[in-house]
Amino acid sequence: MNIFKCGKTQIYNIIKNKIKVKEEWLKGNGKSKRSLKKNVNDEINKAVWDWFVKARSKNIPISGPMIQQKSKDIAVKLGNTNFKGSNR
């Protein structure tokens, strides 16, 4: 069931109702209801990534604490004073 990233119950319900599911899908009602959640830190992540790529292209060594500090600096510039950079 890991292939489909859903539980057994969902799969059994789909199999049980396969005709109805297929009809709804063919009518165009089978659109995915899930949407990607926008992370509030997406703008910070992108800016840090751009900085990282630019620095590495110049062969500048970068450590985890450097990335954390840069992310905090960027967050403050973007008005997010409560930002805490993780070490993941």
N, C-alpha and C. Protein backbone atom coordinates (compact mmCIF):
# COMPACT_ATOMS: atom_id res chain seq x y z
N MET A 1 0.81 -1.18 0.00
CA MET A 1 0.00 0.00 0.00
C MET A 1 0.86 1.26 0.00
N ASN A 2 2.16 1.08 0.27
CA ASN A 2 3.06 2.23 0.27
C ASN A 2 3.22 2.82 -1.13
N ILE A 3 2.97 2.01 -2.14
CA ILE A 3 3.09 2.49 -3.52
C ILE A 3 2.13 3.64 -3.77
N PHE A 4 0.91 3.53 -3.22
CA PHE A 4 -0.13 4.52 -3.48
C PHE A 4 -0.18 5.61 -2.41
N LYS A 5 0.60 5.45 -1.35
CA LYS A 5 0.65 6.41 -0.25
C LYS A 5 -0.73 6.66 0.34
N CYS A 6 -1.45 5.58 0.58
CA CYS A 6 -2.74 5.66 1.25
C CYS A 6 -2.98 4.34 1.99
N GLY A 7 -3.99 4.34 2.83
CA GLY A 7 -4.27 3.17 3.64
C GLY A 7 -5.04 2.09 2.91
N LYS A 8 -5.07 0.92 3.53
CA LYS A 8 -5.79 -0.22 2.96
C LYS A 8 -7.27 0.09 2.80
N THR A 9 -7.85 0.76 3.77
CA THR A 9 -9.28 1.07 3.73
C THR A 9 -9.62 1.89 2.51
N GLN A 10 -8.80 2.89 2.21
CA GLN A 10 -9.05 3.72 1.02
C GLN A 10 -9.00 2.88 -0.25
N ILE A 11 -8.03 2.01 -0.34
CA ILE A 11 -7.89 1.17 -1.53
C ILE A 11 -9.07 0.22 -1.65
N TYR A 12 -9.48 -0.40 -0.54
CA TYR A 12 -10.63 -1.31 -0.58
C TYR A 12 -11.90 -0.57 -0.98
N ASN A 13 -12.08 0.67 -0.49
CA ASN A 13 -13.25 1.47 -0.86
C ASN A 13 -13.23 1.81 -2.35
N ILE A 14 -12.08 2.12 -2.87
CA ILE A 14 -11.97 2.43 -4.30
C ILE A 14 -12.31 1.19 -5.14
N ILE A 15 -11.77 0.05 -4.74
CA ILE A 15 -12.06 -1.20 -5.47
C ILE A 15 -13.54 -1.52 -5.39
N LYS A 16 -14.11 -1.36 -4.20
CA LYS A 16 -15.53 -1.65 -4.00
C LYS A 16 -16.41 -0.74 -4.85
N ASN A 17 -16.01 0.51 -4.99
CA ASN A 17 -16.80 1.50 -5.74
C ASN A 17 -16.16 1.87 -7.07
N LYS A 18 -15.43 0.93 -7.67
CA LYS A 18 -14.64 1.26 -8.86
C LYS A 18 -15.48 1.80 -10.01
N ILE A 19 -16.69 1.32 -10.20
CA ILE A 19 -17.53 1.81 -11.30
C ILE A 19 -17.89 3.27 -11.07
N LYS A 20 -18.33 3.58 -9.84
CA LYS A 20 -18.69 4.96 -9.50
C LYS A 20 -17.47 5.88 -9.59
N VAL A 21 -16.34 5.43 -9.08
CA VAL A 21 -15.11 6.22 -9.12
C VAL A 21 -14.72 6.51 -10.57
N LYS A 22 -14.80 5.48 -11.42
CA LYS A 22 -14.43 5.65 -12.83
C LYS A 22 -15.39 6.62 -13.52
N GLU A 23 -16.69 6.51 -13.25
CA GLU A 23 -17.67 7.42 -13.85
C GLU A 23 -17.39 8.87 -13.45
N GLU A 24 -17.11 9.09 -12.18
CA GLU A 24 -16.82 10.45 -11.70
C GLU A 24 -15.55 10.98 -12.35
N TRP A 25 -14.56 10.11 -12.48
CA TRP A 25 -13.31 10.52 -13.10
C TRP A 25 -13.52 10.90 -14.57
N LEU A 26 -14.31 10.09 -15.28
CA LEU A 26 -14.59 10.37 -16.69
C LEU A 26 -15.38 11.66 -16.87
N LYS A 27 -16.21 12.00 -15.89
CA LYS A 27 -16.98 13.25 -15.95
C LYS A 27 -16.11 14.47 -15.64
N GLY A 28 -14.90 14.21 -15.21
CA GLY A 28 -14.01 15.32 -14.86
C GLY A 28 -14.08 15.70 -13.40
N ASN A 29 -14.76 14.90 -12.62
CA ASN A 29 -14.86 15.18 -11.19
C ASN A 29 -13.76 14.48 -10.40
N GLY A 30 -12.84 13.87 -11.09
CA GLY A 30 -11.79 13.12 -10.43
C GLY A 30 -10.53 13.93 -10.21
N LYS A 31 -10.67 15.23 -10.25
CA LYS A 31 -9.50 16.08 -10.04
C LYS A 31 -9.00 15.91 -8.62
N SER A 32 -7.72 16.03 -8.48
CA SER A 32 -7.12 15.89 -7.16
C SER A 32 -7.59 17.02 -6.26
N LYS A 33 -8.00 16.66 -5.07
CA LYS A 33 -8.43 17.66 -4.10
C LYS A 33 -7.27 18.15 -3.26
N ARG A 34 -6.17 17.45 -3.34
CA ARG A 34 -5.01 17.86 -2.57
C ARG A 34 -4.25 18.94 -3.32
N SER A 35 -3.73 19.85 -2.56
CA SER A 35 -2.89 20.88 -3.15
C SER A 35 -1.65 21.03 -2.28
N LEU A 36 -0.60 21.47 -2.89
CA LEU A 36 0.63 21.66 -2.13
C LEU A 36 0.45 22.82 -1.17
N LYS A 37 0.88 22.61 0.05
CA LYS A 37 0.79 23.67 1.04
C LYS A 37 1.96 24.63 0.83
N LYS A 38 1.63 25.88 0.84
CA LYS A 38 2.66 26.90 0.68
C LYS A 38 3.33 27.09 2.04
N ASN A 39 4.60 26.91 2.07
CA ASN A 39 5.38 27.08 3.28
C ASN A 39 5.60 28.57 3.49
N VAL A 40 5.40 29.04 4.70
CA VAL A 40 5.57 30.46 4.98
C VAL A 40 7.02 30.91 4.79
N ASN A 41 7.93 29.95 4.80
CA ASN A 41 9.35 30.28 4.66
C ASN A 41 9.89 30.03 3.25
N ASP A 42 9.01 29.83 2.28
CA ASP A 42 9.46 29.54 0.91
C ASP A 42 10.37 30.64 0.36
N GLU A 43 10.03 31.89 0.62
CA GLU A 43 10.83 32.99 0.12
C GLU A 43 12.22 32.99 0.75
N ILE A 44 12.28 32.70 2.04
CA ILE A 44 13.57 32.61 2.74
C ILE A 44 14.38 31.45 2.18
N ASN A 45 13.72 30.29 2.02
CA ASN A 45 14.41 29.10 1.51
C ASN A 45 15.00 29.36 0.12
N LYS A 46 14.24 30.01 -0.73
CA LYS A 46 14.73 30.29 -2.08
C LYS A 46 15.93 31.23 -2.05
N ALA A 47 15.84 32.28 -1.22
CA ALA A 47 16.94 33.24 -1.12
C ALA A 47 18.20 32.59 -0.57
N VAL A 48 18.04 31.72 0.44
CA VAL A 48 19.20 31.01 1.01
C VAL A 48 19.79 30.06 -0.02
N TRP A 49 18.93 29.38 -0.76
CA TRP A 49 19.41 28.46 -1.79
C TRP A 49 20.20 29.22 -2.86
N ASP A 50 19.68 30.35 -3.30
CA ASP A 50 20.38 31.16 -4.30
C ASP A 50 21.74 31.60 -3.78
N TRP A 51 21.78 32.04 -2.52
CA TRP A 51 23.04 32.46 -1.89
C TRP A 51 24.01 31.27 -1.83
N PHE A 52 23.51 30.11 -1.42
CA PHE A 52 24.33 28.91 -1.30
C PHE A 52 24.94 28.52 -2.65
N VAL A 53 24.11 28.48 -3.68
CA VAL A 53 24.59 28.10 -5.02
C VAL A 53 25.65 29.08 -5.50
N LYS A 54 25.40 30.36 -5.29
CA LYS A 54 26.36 31.39 -5.73
C LYS A 54 27.70 31.24 -4.98
N ALA A 55 27.62 31.02 -3.67
CA ALA A 55 28.83 30.87 -2.86
C ALA A 55 29.61 29.62 -3.25
N ARG A 56 28.92 28.51 -3.45
CA ARG A 56 29.59 27.27 -3.82
C ARG A 56 30.20 27.35 -5.22
N SER A 57 29.57 28.13 -6.11
CA SER A 57 30.14 28.28 -7.45
C SER A 57 31.47 29.03 -7.40
N LYS A 58 31.68 29.77 -6.30
CA LYS A 58 32.95 30.48 -6.10
C LYS A 58 33.88 29.68 -5.19
N ASN A 59 33.53 28.41 -4.95
CA ASN A 59 34.31 27.49 -4.10
C ASN A 59 34.45 27.98 -2.66
N ILE A 60 33.48 28.72 -2.17
CA ILE A 60 33.49 29.17 -0.78
C ILE A 60 32.93 28.04 0.07
N PRO A 61 33.70 27.59 1.07
CA PRO A 61 33.20 26.53 1.94
C PRO A 61 32.07 27.07 2.82
N ILE A 62 31.03 26.26 3.01
CA ILE A 62 29.87 26.70 3.79
C ILE A 62 29.53 25.64 4.82
N SER A 63 29.30 26.08 6.04
CA SER A 63 28.95 25.16 7.12
C SER A 63 27.47 25.34 7.48
N GLY A 64 26.97 24.42 8.26
CA GLY A 64 25.59 24.49 8.73
C GLY A 64 25.29 25.78 9.49
N PRO A 65 26.15 26.15 10.46
CA PRO A 65 25.91 27.41 11.18
C PRO A 65 25.92 28.64 10.25
N MET A 66 26.72 28.60 9.20
CA MET A 66 26.73 29.72 8.25
C MET A 66 25.38 29.83 7.54
N ILE A 67 24.84 28.68 7.16
CA ILE A 67 23.53 28.67 6.49
C ILE A 67 22.45 29.17 7.44
N GLN A 68 22.50 28.72 8.70
CA GLN A 68 21.52 29.18 9.68
C GLN A 68 21.58 30.70 9.86
N GLN A 69 22.80 31.23 9.99
CA GLN A 69 22.94 32.67 10.18
C GLN A 69 22.47 33.44 8.96
N LYS A 70 22.81 32.96 7.78
CA LYS A 70 22.38 33.63 6.55
C LYS A 70 20.85 33.60 6.44
N SER A 71 20.25 32.48 6.80
CA SER A 71 18.78 32.39 6.74
C SER A 71 18.14 33.36 7.72
N LYS A 72 18.73 33.52 8.91
CA LYS A 72 18.20 34.49 9.88
C LYS A 72 18.34 35.90 9.34
N ASP A 73 19.49 36.22 8.74
CA ASP A 73 19.72 37.55 8.17
C ASP A 73 18.70 37.85 7.07
N ILE A 74 18.47 36.89 6.21
CA ILE A 74 17.51 37.08 5.11
C ILE A 74 16.10 37.23 5.67
N ALA A 75 15.77 36.44 6.68
CA ALA A 75 14.43 36.52 7.28
C ALA A 75 14.20 37.92 7.86
N VAL A 76 15.18 38.45 8.53
CA VAL A 76 15.05 39.79 9.11
C VAL A 76 14.87 40.83 8.00
N LYS A 77 15.64 40.70 6.92
CA LYS A 77 15.49 41.63 5.78
C LYS A 77 14.09 41.56 5.19
N LEU A 78 13.47 40.35 5.25
CA LEU A 78 12.13 40.17 4.71
C LEU A 78 11.04 40.49 5.74
N GLY A 79 11.46 40.95 6.92
CA GLY A 79 10.49 41.34 7.94
C GLY A 79 10.03 40.24 8.88
N ASN A 80 10.67 39.09 8.83
CA ASN A 80 10.31 37.97 9.71
C ASN A 80 11.29 37.93 10.86
N THR A 81 10.94 38.58 11.95
CA THR A 81 11.86 38.65 13.11
C THR A 81 11.74 37.44 14.03
N ASN A 82 10.74 36.60 13.82
CA ASN A 82 10.56 35.41 14.66
C ASN A 82 11.16 34.16 14.06
N PHE A 83 11.85 34.28 12.95
CA PHE A 83 12.40 33.12 12.24
C PHE A 83 13.49 32.45 13.04
N LYS A 84 13.46 31.13 13.07
CA LYS A 84 14.53 30.34 13.68
C LYS A 84 14.97 29.30 12.67
N GLY A 85 16.19 29.37 12.22
CA GLY A 85 16.69 28.40 11.24
C GLY A 85 16.94 27.06 11.88
N SER A 86 16.48 26.00 11.24
CA SER A 86 16.68 24.66 11.78
C SER A 86 18.02 24.11 11.31
N ASN A 87 18.43 23.01 11.93
CA ASN A 87 19.69 22.39 11.52
C ASN A 87 19.43 21.14 10.70
N ARG A 88 18.27 21.03 10.07
CA ARG A 88 17.95 19.89 9.23
C ARG A 88 18.32 20.18 7.80
